[in-house]
Amino acid sequence: MYETPHDKLMLIARRDVGSISNISVRYKDDAYDRLWTPRQFENFTILNTSLSIDQTSSNSLQPPLIVMRTANAPRRAIQYINMLLEPKDPKGKFYIYMHFAEIVKLQRNETRVHCIGQW
C-alpha cells in the first residue's frame, strides 16, 4: 500500500496476509529484500499450499513465493477483510497492489469471487 502526497510514492506497508509463521519475510525469500510483515485476521482460517504457484506471469513486482502460498479464508460464507486507510492530507490518495494465487483447487462447479470495494 502506498500513500501519494505531492505525487511522490511512500511505502506504508507490505502485508503477508495468511502467514503461517507470523514472522516477517525478507531476502532470500524476496529477491528485492522487501519487508513483508504478517497480518492475520480474527475468525479467518489460514490456508497454505504446496501446489505450484505461477511465478512466470506478467507480474513484474514478483511477490515472494512463501507469501503467495498462504492466504486467509473466511469461516463464514460472507465475511470481509477490512483495512482502514486514512491519508494525513485529505487530498492524499492510496495505490494498493493486491496479489492473488489459486492455493485451493476448485471443483468444476465452483467459482471464487473477490469483492474489492471502497467505503
Foldseek 3Di string as FASTA:
>chain_A
DWKADPNDTDDDAAELEQQPVQDWDAPPQQVVRDTYGYDYDPQWDKAFAPDDWDQPPPPPNRDGPSSARMHTHHPDPDDDDDDDDDDPDNPMDDDDDDDHTPNDDDDPPDDDDDDDDDD
